[in-house]
Structure formats: structure tokens, C-alpha cells
């Protein structure tokens, strides 16, 4: 009996010894693996919760979807204009000019940056609102609805600003009224007339028109009349803006019909001060300096050289106002050179004649000849004496006086006139200093008269 009890106790202890390693030490990896598995499941669960919370916080896509549902984007075909098949839809326009970036005379164009705003009503976009407040969207919604296809006539280049996002704004009101605004830079053609350059004014215009919809489908108009065009303070380097005003009209195309067209007109007047400093004042000074030769001694050849006039002119194929002024100034300088040449020639001839009368039929050496006319001569100069005038007798003189008393025939009158011209010419040749005396007054007066006529015509 005792042996049986001892054996049962031993079996019980052995069973307890087997149970302890199973729960704690013999299989430690099982519990550890279980803990890791539970950890992965819990982290996956927490990750789902975090992702769900982030989706809740990032409401851009959900708001856009709600807006599309609110505006019923999917319920309508926005490829068709509002009120298709009915009367033309009115689209109001207003413009705010931000800057005129450049004006090119070479390319005959201008570059302008502006805010272009469209106003129209589309009942398909009306939505219920208790506060009657509008909703504002960006370019993403614009691509899903109908907007007017306004373009710039005669434009060469244009683009919508896209930094940092596309500069497009869409504002929808509960009653379906829409404001669509874009910020655009456009380079457009301007027909310029430079016939009065640089005293010119240029009238340029930027023209807006619908590309696809003629006047039966779309009617463009200035929303606030003359107040539809607003400008910031614009400063240009070569021009100042005299006038900015809107206008409207119709354009006809033979294949598609009549279209409404809006005009942004602006009048530019060129700054003259730059050209006065660079062209007109230097030209005037050159002409006046050419008159200094009228007071210089006739025999001072090196001191009476001409002064050239140079100026850089714009390369345009037709005559401009500045071309007329420059060429007239060139003419005055050229005439002053001609005056010098005439005075020099007459002075040389007269001095040679006086020397011949004083010395008789003598020869002049080269030094004396160069002293008179400034030119090189041969060593031997054969100066033939003037023929002696025969002394008429007293009866011949009496007969000559009687002939003078009789009326002269027509041919004689012509001979006397010819003789008077020769006589005046000989007087001028003998008194060449008179040419300088007259030139001192005639040249300034003529140039002053030219300036009065020029500035009264072009200014």
C-alpha cells in the first residue's frame, strides 16, 4: 500500500515537471511568435485608422466631387452653349490693363498684360444656397463646363500665366451667373505710321472676338460701358499714353457671317526730348558752326574747312520728318562749303588781275602763284597782257553820245541786260568780301525760316 502511494506521488511530480516547460521554457518561440503576429495585426489596424483620418483631413477631392454634384456637372452636356437653339447669349467683358510691356517699331507690335473678365449666365450651374453666397473655383472646374471662346484678333503670341498655378478664376453664383477671369499676356500687331517720326503719335488697338460663335449665338458687349476698361499707372520709356478707351463693332467673314468685336484703343505720343538731345540739337550746332567760316579771312584756307553732320537715322523705307530735317541741315552745310569755294575763287581771280595790272606782262614764280590761289603752278606762267583800249577821238565820242540818245532796238536791250549781268558779276568778283557779308545774314535767316515752317508743320 505504501509502495502504491509513493508511486502515485512520483507520477504526479513527473506530470507537474512536464507542464512547466510547455508554458514557460521549453517552447519560448511560440509565445514570442504569437506576440509578433498580434503586433503586426494591431499596427495594420492602426495604420488603417490613420489612413482613414488622413482621408478625412484631405478634403480637396471630396469637395471637388461634392461641388460637381452640387452644380450637376454630370447631368448636362457642356459642349453646347447655354440656351442652345434660342437667342444669342450675352457675354459681358471688362478689362484691367496691368502693363504695356514693350512697343516695337521694327516688328510693328506691342505686348500687353491684362486681366480679362467674362460675365454670363448659365442656368445649368444654378445651385440651392441658404446664404446666397457664391462659390469660387480654379482651372480644374473650368475644363468641365462651357466658357466663351474669346480670342485676340491680329495677335502674334499670347499665353495665360501659370505661376504658381494657372491664373484662372471661376466664380459661380446661386442663380447661375458666372464670373470667369484670366490673366493674359498678348503680343498683337499695330499698324504704325512713321511719316512724322519722331514727332509722331501712334493709335493702336487690341481686338477681342468670339472664334466659333457669330452674332446669332453669342453677343459680346462691354459690361459697364466706358468704365469697363481700367488701367493701372503705366509708364513707358519712349511714349506716354494720351488716351485709353473701349469701343465695339462688327466684323464680317464671307464664310461664317457677322461677329461682335470689342476694341481696346490707346493713343501713344512719343517723347521728343530724347531725339532733341540725340539728333536735333547736334544737327543745329553743326549748321551754326558752318557759319563761322563767314567771319574767317578769305585767304585762310586751312581754317575754313567744312564741318560734317552725322546722325543715326531709323532704317525705314519711306521719308520721315527727321529725314527732312537732317537733309535740310546737310544742304545748309553744303551751301556754306559752296559759298567758301566761290569766295576763294573770286578772291584769287581778283588778286591775279591786280598783280597783272601792276607788273604787266611778267611771269610769276610758283611761290607767288600759290600765295594767291593756294594751288601749285608751273615755274613758267605765260600771262598775256590785256589788249590796249584805243583812245577814241572827240568826234567819235560825240557820235557815240548821239547814238545813246536814240531809242535802242530790242536786240540792244538784250545786249544791255547781258552786259549789266556781266557788270554785276565783275563787281562781285572784284569785291568778293561782299559774298561773306550777305551770307552772314542770309544763311541764319533762311535756317530760322526753315525751322519755323518745320516745327509748325510737325509739332
Protein backbone atom coordinates (compact mmCIF):
# COMPACT_ATOMS: atom_id res chain seq x y z
CA UNK A 1 0.00 0.00 0.00
CA UNK A 2 2.77 2.39 0.87
CA UNK A 3 4.53 1.46 -2.34
CA UNK A 4 1.43 2.33 -4.32
CA UNK A 5 1.11 5.76 -2.70
CA UNK A 6 4.78 6.51 -3.31
CA UNK A 7 4.42 5.62 -6.97
CA UNK A 8 1.39 7.87 -7.37
CA UNK A 9 3.26 10.77 -5.82
CA UNK A 10 6.15 10.25 -8.22
CA UNK A 11 3.81 10.20 -11.21
CA UNK A 12 2.18 13.44 -10.04
CA UNK A 13 5.54 15.18 -9.69
CA UNK A 14 6.54 13.97 -13.13
CA UNK A 15 3.36 15.40 -14.59
CA UNK A 16 3.97 18.78 -12.98
CA UNK A 17 7.53 18.80 -14.31
CA UNK A 18 6.24 18.21 -17.85
CA UNK A 19 3.64 21.01 -17.62
CA UNK A 20 6.07 23.78 -16.53
CA UNK A 21 8.42 23.65 -19.61
CA UNK A 22 5.49 23.68 -22.01
CA UNK A 23 4.18 27.02 -20.64
CA UNK A 24 7.50 28.73 -19.96
CA UNK A 25 10.88 27.47 -21.05
CA UNK A 26 10.86 24.62 -23.46
CA UNK A 27 8.94 26.38 -26.23
CA UNK A 28 9.73 30.07 -25.81
CA UNK A 29 9.42 30.75 -29.52
CA UNK A 30 5.75 30.05 -29.66
CA UNK A 31 4.76 32.87 -27.37
CA UNK A 32 7.19 35.21 -28.99
CA UNK A 33 5.85 34.40 -32.44
CA UNK A 34 2.34 34.95 -31.19
CA UNK A 35 3.27 38.35 -29.78
CA UNK A 36 4.83 39.39 -33.08
CA UNK A 37 1.78 38.27 -35.03
CA UNK A 38 -0.51 40.21 -32.75
CA UNK A 39 1.73 43.27 -33.11
CA UNK A 40 1.52 43.18 -36.88
CA UNK A 41 -2.23 42.92 -36.75
CA UNK A 42 -2.53 45.82 -34.36
CA UNK A 43 -0.18 48.03 -36.41
CA UNK A 44 -2.13 47.22 -39.57
CA UNK A 45 -5.30 48.13 -37.78
CA UNK A 46 -3.85 51.43 -36.51
CA UNK A 47 -2.50 52.18 -39.99
CA UNK A 48 -5.98 51.85 -41.45
CA UNK A 49 -7.28 54.26 -38.85
CA UNK A 50 -4.51 56.79 -39.63
CA UNK A 51 -5.12 56.49 -43.36
CA UNK A 52 -8.82 56.97 -42.82
CA UNK A 53 -8.17 60.06 -40.70
CA UNK A 54 -5.85 61.50 -43.40
CA UNK A 55 -8.54 60.92 -46.00
CA UNK A 56 -10.91 62.83 -43.81
CA UNK A 57 -8.44 65.71 -43.44
CA UNK A 58 -7.54 65.84 -47.19
CA UNK A 59 -10.92 67.06 -48.41
CA UNK A 60 -9.85 68.60 -51.75
CA UNK A 61 -11.01 65.71 -53.87
CA UNK A 62 -14.11 65.13 -51.85
CA UNK A 63 -15.04 68.85 -52.01
CA UNK A 64 -14.48 68.88 -55.76
CA UNK A 65 -16.72 65.88 -56.10
CA UNK A 66 -19.33 67.50 -53.87
CA UNK A 67 -19.11 70.68 -55.95
CA UNK A 68 -19.58 68.73 -59.13
CA UNK A 69 -22.58 67.04 -57.57
CA UNK A 70 -23.91 70.37 -56.32
CA UNK A 71 -23.52 72.00 -59.76
CA UNK A 72 -24.82 68.85 -61.51
CA UNK A 73 -21.84 68.70 -63.86
CA UNK A 74 -22.60 65.17 -64.97
CA UNK A 75 -26.27 65.90 -65.72
CA UNK A 76 -25.63 68.32 -68.60
CA UNK A 77 -23.76 68.46 -71.89
CA UNK A 78 -21.48 71.47 -71.51
CA UNK A 79 -20.19 71.13 -75.05
CA UNK A 80 -23.28 73.17 -76.02
CA UNK A 81 -23.64 76.83 -75.17
CA UNK A 82 -26.30 77.92 -72.65
CA UNK A 83 -29.70 78.29 -74.23
CA UNK A 84 -28.68 76.45 -77.39
CA UNK A 85 -31.20 76.93 -80.18
CA UNK A 86 -32.59 80.12 -78.66
CA UNK A 87 -31.48 83.73 -78.65
CA UNK A 88 -27.83 84.72 -78.55
CA UNK A 89 -26.28 84.50 -75.10
CA UNK A 90 -24.96 87.90 -73.90
CA UNK A 91 -21.39 87.84 -72.59
CA UNK A 92 -20.17 90.96 -70.82
CA UNK A 93 -16.47 91.86 -70.88
CA UNK A 94 -14.35 94.11 -68.73
CA UNK A 95 -10.57 94.50 -68.85
CA UNK A 96 -7.98 95.78 -66.44
CA UNK A 97 -4.67 96.57 -68.16
CA UNK A 98 -1.78 95.76 -65.86
CA UNK A 99 1.10 96.92 -68.08
CA UNK A 100 2.25 97.62 -71.61
CA UNK A 101 5.50 95.71 -71.63
CA UNK A 102 7.03 96.80 -74.94
CA UNK A 103 6.34 98.64 -78.20
CA UNK A 104 8.45 97.60 -81.17
CA UNK A 105 8.73 99.89 -84.20
CA UNK A 106 10.72 97.26 -86.07
CA UNK A 107 8.11 94.49 -85.70
CA UNK A 108 5.16 96.90 -85.54
CA UNK A 109 3.62 95.28 -82.48
CA UNK A 110 3.05 95.82 -78.77
CA UNK A 111 2.94 93.50 -75.76
CA UNK A 112 0.28 93.96 -73.08
CA UNK A 113 -0.53 92.14 -69.83
CA UNK A 114 -4.15 92.33 -68.73
CA UNK A 115 -6.93 90.77 -66.64
CA UNK A 116 -9.75 89.62 -68.93
CA UNK A 117 -13.08 89.02 -67.19
CA UNK A 118 -16.23 87.42 -68.70
CA UNK A 119 -19.76 87.63 -67.31
CA UNK A 120 -22.66 85.44 -68.43
CA UNK A 121 -25.47 83.28 -67.03
CA UNK A 122 -25.76 79.52 -67.30
CA UNK A 123 -28.87 78.11 -65.61
CA UNK A 124 -27.36 74.65 -65.70
CA UNK A 125 -24.91 75.72 -62.96
CA UNK A 126 -27.50 77.21 -60.60
CA UNK A 127 -27.49 75.63 -57.13
CA UNK A 128 -29.54 75.98 -53.93
CA UNK A 129 -27.94 78.11 -51.22
CA UNK A 130 -29.39 79.35 -47.95
CA UNK A 131 -26.72 82.08 -47.58
CA UNK A 132 -26.88 83.16 -51.28
CA UNK A 133 -23.08 83.16 -51.41
CA UNK A 134 -21.01 82.39 -54.49
CA UNK A 135 -18.54 79.57 -54.87
CA UNK A 136 -15.05 80.13 -56.29
CA UNK A 137 -13.11 77.51 -58.25
CA UNK A 138 -9.82 77.29 -60.14
CA UNK A 139 -8.87 75.98 -63.59
CA UNK A 140 -9.78 72.37 -62.81
CA UNK A 141 -13.52 73.05 -62.95
CA UNK A 142 -13.21 75.41 -65.92
CA UNK A 143 -12.23 72.49 -68.13
CA UNK A 144 -15.53 70.72 -67.36
CA UNK A 145 -18.02 73.49 -68.19
CA UNK A 146 -18.79 75.81 -71.10
CA UNK A 147 -16.85 79.10 -71.28
CA UNK A 148 -16.81 81.76 -74.06
CA UNK A 149 -14.16 81.20 -76.75
CA UNK A 150 -12.89 84.79 -76.86
CA UNK A 151 -9.62 85.31 -78.76
CA UNK A 152 -7.42 88.27 -79.73
CA UNK A 153 -7.62 89.34 -83.36
CA UNK A 154 -4.24 90.07 -85.05
CA UNK A 155 -2.36 88.60 -82.09
CA UNK A 156 1.08 87.12 -82.71
CA UNK A 157 1.67 85.43 -79.36
CA UNK A 158 -0.33 85.06 -76.16
CA UNK A 159 -0.30 82.91 -73.04
CA UNK A 160 -2.09 82.52 -69.72
CA UNK A 161 0.21 82.94 -66.72
CA UNK A 162 0.70 79.69 -64.82
CA UNK A 163 2.94 80.52 -61.86
CA UNK A 164 2.44 79.00 -59.38
CA UNK A 165 -0.89 77.75 -60.70
CA UNK A 166 -2.81 78.77 -63.79
CA UNK A 167 -4.08 82.30 -63.25
CA UNK A 168 -7.71 81.36 -63.85
CA UNK A 169 -10.63 82.08 -61.55
CA UNK A 170 -14.25 80.87 -61.85
CA UNK A 171 -16.95 82.23 -59.56
CA UNK A 172 -20.45 80.73 -59.69
CA UNK A 173 -23.48 82.39 -58.05
CA UNK A 174 -26.59 80.51 -56.88
CA UNK A 175 -28.73 82.00 -59.68
CA UNK A 176 -26.32 80.69 -62.36
CA UNK A 177 -24.42 83.96 -63.01
CA UNK A 178 -20.75 83.32 -63.69
CA UNK A 179 -17.57 85.37 -63.48
CA UNK A 180 -14.63 83.93 -65.41
CA UNK A 181 -11.30 85.78 -65.09
CA UNK A 182 -7.89 85.06 -66.65
CA UNK A 183 -4.54 86.86 -66.58
CA UNK A 184 -3.06 87.02 -70.08
CA UNK A 185 -0.02 88.47 -71.83
CA UNK A 186 -0.60 89.09 -75.53
CA UNK A 187 1.56 90.45 -78.35
CA UNK A 188 -0.55 91.98 -81.10
CA UNK A 189 0.03 93.77 -84.40
CA UNK A 190 -0.24 97.55 -84.60
CA UNK A 191 -0.12 99.39 -87.92
CA UNK A 192 2.24 102.30 -87.26
CA UNK A 193 2.85 105.35 -89.43
CA UNK A 194 6.34 106.85 -89.08
CA UNK A 195 5.98 109.68 -91.61
CA UNK A 196 6.08 112.17 -88.70
CA UNK A 197 8.77 110.31 -86.73
CA UNK A 198 9.93 111.27 -84.11
CA UNK A 199 7.09 113.78 -83.72
CA UNK A 200 4.51 111.06 -84.27
CA UNK A 201 1.53 109.65 -82.42
CA UNK A 202 0.51 106.01 -82.79
CA UNK A 203 -3.04 104.71 -82.48
CA UNK A 204 -3.06 101.01 -81.54
CA UNK A 205 -5.89 98.69 -80.56
CA UNK A 206 -6.35 95.23 -79.08
CA UNK A 207 -9.37 93.47 -80.58
CA UNK A 208 -11.48 90.75 -78.93
CA UNK A 209 -13.88 88.44 -80.72
CA UNK A 210 -15.56 85.04 -80.40
CA UNK A 211 -13.94 82.47 -82.63
CA UNK A 212 -16.76 79.97 -83.16
CA UNK A 213 -19.99 81.76 -82.23
CA UNK A 214 -21.27 84.51 -84.52
CA UNK A 215 -23.74 87.20 -83.50
CA UNK A 216 -26.67 84.76 -83.70
CA UNK A 217 -25.18 82.62 -80.91
CA UNK A 218 -23.08 84.97 -78.78
CA UNK A 219 -23.25 88.71 -78.21
CA UNK A 220 -20.10 90.36 -76.82
CA UNK A 221 -20.53 93.74 -75.14
CA UNK A 222 -18.69 95.99 -72.69
CA UNK A 223 -20.30 95.23 -69.34
CA UNK A 224 -20.00 98.72 -67.83
CA UNK A 225 -19.67 100.88 -70.94
CA UNK A 226 -16.61 103.14 -70.91
CA UNK A 227 -15.90 102.11 -67.31
CA UNK A 228 -15.28 98.54 -68.49
CA UNK A 229 -11.67 99.43 -69.31
CA UNK A 230 -9.43 100.23 -66.35
CA UNK A 231 -5.70 100.76 -66.26
CA UNK A 232 -3.04 100.88 -63.62
CA UNK A 233 -0.43 103.63 -63.73
CA UNK A 234 1.56 102.81 -66.86
CA UNK A 235 4.95 104.43 -67.60
CA UNK A 236 6.74 103.86 -70.90
CA UNK A 237 10.29 104.80 -71.86
CA UNK A 238 9.58 106.27 -75.33
CA UNK A 239 5.86 107.05 -75.20
CA UNK A 240 3.26 108.45 -72.88
CA UNK A 241 -0.36 107.35 -73.11
CA UNK A 242 -2.70 110.14 -74.09
CA UNK A 243 -5.92 108.18 -74.23
CA UNK A 244 -7.38 104.78 -73.30
CA UNK A 245 -10.96 103.99 -74.35
CA UNK A 246 -13.09 100.99 -75.38
CA UNK A 247 -15.25 100.67 -78.49
CA UNK A 248 -17.20 97.99 -80.31
CA UNK A 249 -18.20 96.99 -83.82
CA UNK A 250 -18.98 94.13 -86.15
CA UNK A 251 -16.62 92.02 -88.24
CA UNK A 252 -17.77 90.15 -91.34
CA UNK A 253 -16.32 86.91 -92.68
CA UNK A 254 -17.60 85.68 -96.02
CA UNK A 255 -17.83 82.05 -94.96
CA UNK A 256 -19.16 82.33 -91.39
CA UNK A 257 -21.04 85.63 -91.09
CA UNK A 258 -21.02 88.58 -88.70
CA UNK A 259 -19.24 88.59 -85.34
CA UNK A 260 -19.27 91.03 -82.45
CA UNK A 261 -15.88 92.65 -81.91
CA UNK A 262 -14.62 94.71 -78.97
CA UNK A 263 -11.71 97.18 -79.22
CA UNK A 264 -9.25 98.40 -76.61
CA UNK A 265 -7.93 101.62 -78.16
CA UNK A 266 -4.98 103.60 -76.82
CA UNK A 267 -3.18 106.62 -78.25
CA UNK A 268 0.59 106.88 -77.78
CA UNK A 269 2.64 110.06 -78.19
CA UNK A 270 6.40 109.75 -78.48
CA UNK A 271 8.72 111.54 -76.08
CA UNK A 272 10.62 114.12 -78.15
CA UNK A 273 13.24 115.07 -75.56
CA UNK A 274 15.44 112.05 -76.28
CA UNK A 275 15.54 112.86 -80.01
CA UNK A 276 16.15 116.54 -79.32
CA UNK A 277 19.28 115.61 -77.41
CA UNK A 278 20.45 112.93 -79.83
CA UNK A 279 19.52 114.36 -83.23
CA UNK A 280 18.11 117.87 -83.44
CA UNK A 281 20.43 119.82 -81.13
CA UNK A 282 23.67 118.32 -82.55
CA UNK A 283 22.45 118.99 -86.09
CA UNK A 284 21.65 122.62 -85.26
CA UNK A 285 25.09 123.08 -83.75
CA UNK A 286 26.80 121.66 -86.82
CA UNK A 287 24.89 124.02 -89.11
CA UNK A 288 25.71 127.02 -86.93
CA UNK A 289 29.36 126.06 -86.76
CA UNK A 290 29.47 126.00 -90.54
CA UNK A 291 28.53 129.72 -90.48
CA UNK A 292 31.69 130.57 -88.56
CA UNK A 293 33.56 130.37 -91.86
CA UNK A 294 31.79 133.58 -92.99
CA UNK A 295 33.82 135.54 -90.44
CA UNK A 296 37.15 133.84 -91.19
CA UNK A 297 39.66 135.52 -93.52
CA UNK A 298 39.09 134.57 -97.14
CA UNK A 299 42.74 133.61 -97.59
CA UNK A 300 42.84 131.30 -94.54
CA UNK A 301 42.25 128.06 -96.41
CA UNK A 302 43.07 125.56 -93.62
CA UNK A 303 40.77 127.39 -91.19
CA UNK A 304 37.75 127.29 -93.49
CA UNK A 305 37.23 123.57 -93.73
CA UNK A 306 33.68 122.25 -93.67
CA UNK A 307 32.12 120.53 -90.69
CA UNK A 308 30.37 117.25 -91.32
CA UNK A 309 26.99 116.35 -89.87
CA UNK A 310 26.38 112.77 -88.89
CA UNK A 311 23.36 111.16 -87.29
CA UNK A 312 21.97 107.70 -86.89
CA UNK A 313 18.56 107.54 -88.51
CA UNK A 314 15.94 104.81 -88.12
CA UNK A 315 16.00 102.43 -91.05
CA UNK A 316 12.54 102.83 -92.53
CA UNK A 317 11.85 102.66 -96.24
CA UNK A 318 9.91 105.94 -96.56
CA UNK A 319 10.68 109.58 -95.78
CA UNK A 320 10.20 110.65 -92.18
CA UNK A 321 10.12 114.04 -90.53
CA UNK A 322 13.58 113.57 -89.09
CA UNK A 323 14.91 112.75 -92.57
CA UNK A 324 13.62 116.07 -93.91
CA UNK A 325 15.28 117.97 -91.07
CA UNK A 326 18.61 116.19 -91.45
CA UNK A 327 18.75 116.60 -95.21
CA UNK A 328 17.85 120.28 -94.99
CA UNK A 329 20.66 120.71 -92.46
CA UNK A 330 23.04 118.86 -94.78
CA UNK A 331 22.01 121.26 -97.54
CA UNK A 332 22.83 124.31 -95.42
CA UNK A 333 26.26 122.90 -94.58
CA UNK A 334 26.82 122.08 -98.25
CA UNK A 335 25.85 125.61 -99.32
CA UNK A 336 28.29 127.07 -96.80
CA UNK A 337 31.03 125.00 -98.47
CA UNK A 338 29.93 126.27 -101.91
CA UNK A 339 29.98 129.83 -100.59
CA UNK A 340 33.53 129.33 -99.37
CA UNK A 341 34.59 127.92 -102.75
CA UNK A 342 33.05 130.87 -104.61
CA UNK A 343 34.66 133.44 -102.34
CA UNK A 344 38.01 131.72 -102.63
CA UNK A 345 37.78 131.58 -106.43
CA UNK A 346 36.73 135.21 -106.90
CA UNK A 347 39.39 136.40 -104.46
CA UNK A 348 42.09 134.51 -106.36
CA UNK A 349 40.95 135.85 -109.74
CA UNK A 350 40.82 139.43 -108.50
CA UNK A 351 44.26 139.29 -106.90
CA UNK A 352 45.74 137.77 -110.02
CA UNK A 353 44.19 140.56 -112.08
CA UNK A 354 45.58 143.24 -109.79
CA UNK A 355 49.01 141.68 -109.89
CA UNK A 356 48.90 141.50 -113.65
CA UNK A 357 47.97 145.16 -113.94
CA UNK A 358 50.74 146.12 -111.51
CA UNK A 359 53.57 144.10 -113.06
CA UNK A 360 52.48 143.99 -116.66
CA UNK A 361 53.30 141.01 -118.84
CA UNK A 362 55.64 139.45 -116.36
CA UNK A 363 55.95 135.96 -115.22
CA UNK A 364 55.09 134.82 -111.73
CA UNK A 365 57.05 132.24 -109.83
CA UNK A 366 55.39 129.32 -108.15
CA UNK A 367 55.58 130.86 -104.68
CA UNK A 368 53.64 133.95 -105.74
CA UNK A 369 51.02 131.92 -107.56
CA UNK A 370 50.44 129.68 -104.58
CA UNK A 371 50.16 132.72 -102.35
CA UNK A 372 47.18 133.89 -104.37
CA UNK A 373 45.11 130.82 -105.01
CA UNK A 374 46.64 128.12 -102.84
CA UNK A 375 47.35 125.85 -105.85
CA UNK A 376 50.55 124.59 -107.40
CA UNK A 377 51.59 126.18 -110.70
CA UNK A 378 54.39 125.60 -113.14
CA UNK A 379 57.53 127.63 -112.83
CA UNK A 380 56.77 129.46 -116.06
CA UNK A 381 53.46 131.28 -116.30
CA UNK A 382 52.71 132.97 -119.59
CA UNK A 383 50.35 135.80 -118.70
CA UNK A 384 49.38 137.68 -121.84
CA UNK A 385 48.62 141.35 -121.33
CA UNK A 386 45.16 142.71 -121.83
CA UNK A 387 44.65 144.46 -125.21
CA UNK A 388 45.03 148.19 -125.06
CA UNK A 389 41.83 150.15 -125.34
CA UNK A 390 42.06 152.53 -128.31
CA UNK A 391 41.53 156.15 -127.49
CA UNK A 392 38.60 157.42 -129.46
CA UNK A 393 38.60 160.84 -130.94
CA UNK A 394 36.31 163.62 -129.87
CA UNK A 395 34.02 163.43 -132.93
CA UNK A 396 33.59 159.70 -132.34
CA UNK A 397 32.59 160.40 -128.78
CA UNK A 398 30.02 162.93 -129.94
CA UNK A 399 28.60 160.43 -132.39
CA UNK A 400 28.50 157.88 -129.64
CA UNK A 401 26.52 160.23 -127.42
CA UNK A 402 24.04 160.82 -130.23
CA UNK A 403 23.58 157.10 -130.67
CA UNK A 404 22.84 156.78 -126.97
CA UNK A 405 20.14 159.40 -127.23
CA UNK A 406 18.27 157.43 -129.92
CA UNK A 407 15.87 154.65 -128.85
CA UNK A 408 17.62 151.28 -128.75
CA UNK A 409 16.27 148.30 -130.62
CA UNK A 410 15.09 145.14 -128.92
CA UNK A 411 18.32 143.30 -129.50
CA UNK A 412 20.20 146.17 -127.95
CA UNK A 413 18.08 145.89 -124.84
CA UNK A 414 19.01 142.26 -124.51
CA UNK A 415 22.67 143.15 -125.02
CA UNK A 416 22.46 145.82 -122.32
CA UNK A 417 20.87 143.35 -119.89
CA UNK A 418 23.55 140.84 -120.65
CA UNK A 419 26.12 143.48 -120.12
CA UNK A 420 24.55 144.50 -116.81
CA UNK A 421 24.72 140.89 -115.59
CA UNK A 422 28.36 140.75 -116.55
CA UNK A 423 28.94 144.08 -114.91
CA UNK A 424 27.32 142.88 -111.65
CA UNK A 425 29.31 139.71 -111.82
CA UNK A 426 32.50 141.63 -112.31
CA UNK A 427 31.58 143.84 -109.34
CA UNK A 428 31.06 140.77 -107.17
CA UNK A 429 34.32 139.26 -108.39
CA UNK A 430 36.17 142.46 -107.65
CA UNK A 431 34.53 142.73 -104.21
CA UNK A 432 34.33 139.11 -103.07
CA UNK A 433 34.12 140.16 -99.43
CA UNK A 434 30.51 141.17 -100.15
CA UNK A 435 29.55 137.49 -100.51
CA UNK A 436 30.60 136.84 -96.91
CA UNK A 437 28.76 139.96 -95.78
CA UNK A 438 25.48 138.83 -97.36
CA UNK A 439 25.94 135.22 -96.23
CA UNK A 440 26.28 136.28 -92.61
CA UNK A 441 22.66 137.47 -92.71
CA UNK A 442 21.05 135.28 -95.37
CA UNK A 443 22.12 131.86 -94.03
CA UNK A 444 20.86 132.35 -90.43
CA UNK A 445 17.61 133.94 -91.64
CA UNK A 446 16.96 131.12 -94.11
CA UNK A 447 17.68 128.45 -91.49
CA UNK A 448 15.43 130.22 -88.97
CA UNK A 449 12.62 130.36 -91.52
CA UNK A 450 13.04 126.64 -92.26
CA UNK A 451 12.82 125.79 -88.54
CA UNK A 452 9.66 127.86 -88.13
CA UNK A 453 7.96 126.08 -91.03
CA UNK A 454 9.20 122.65 -89.94
CA UNK A 455 8.12 122.83 -86.30
CA UNK A 456 4.77 124.43 -87.18
CA UNK A 457 4.03 121.54 -89.57
CA UNK A 458 5.11 118.58 -87.43
CA UNK A 459 4.67 119.66 -83.83
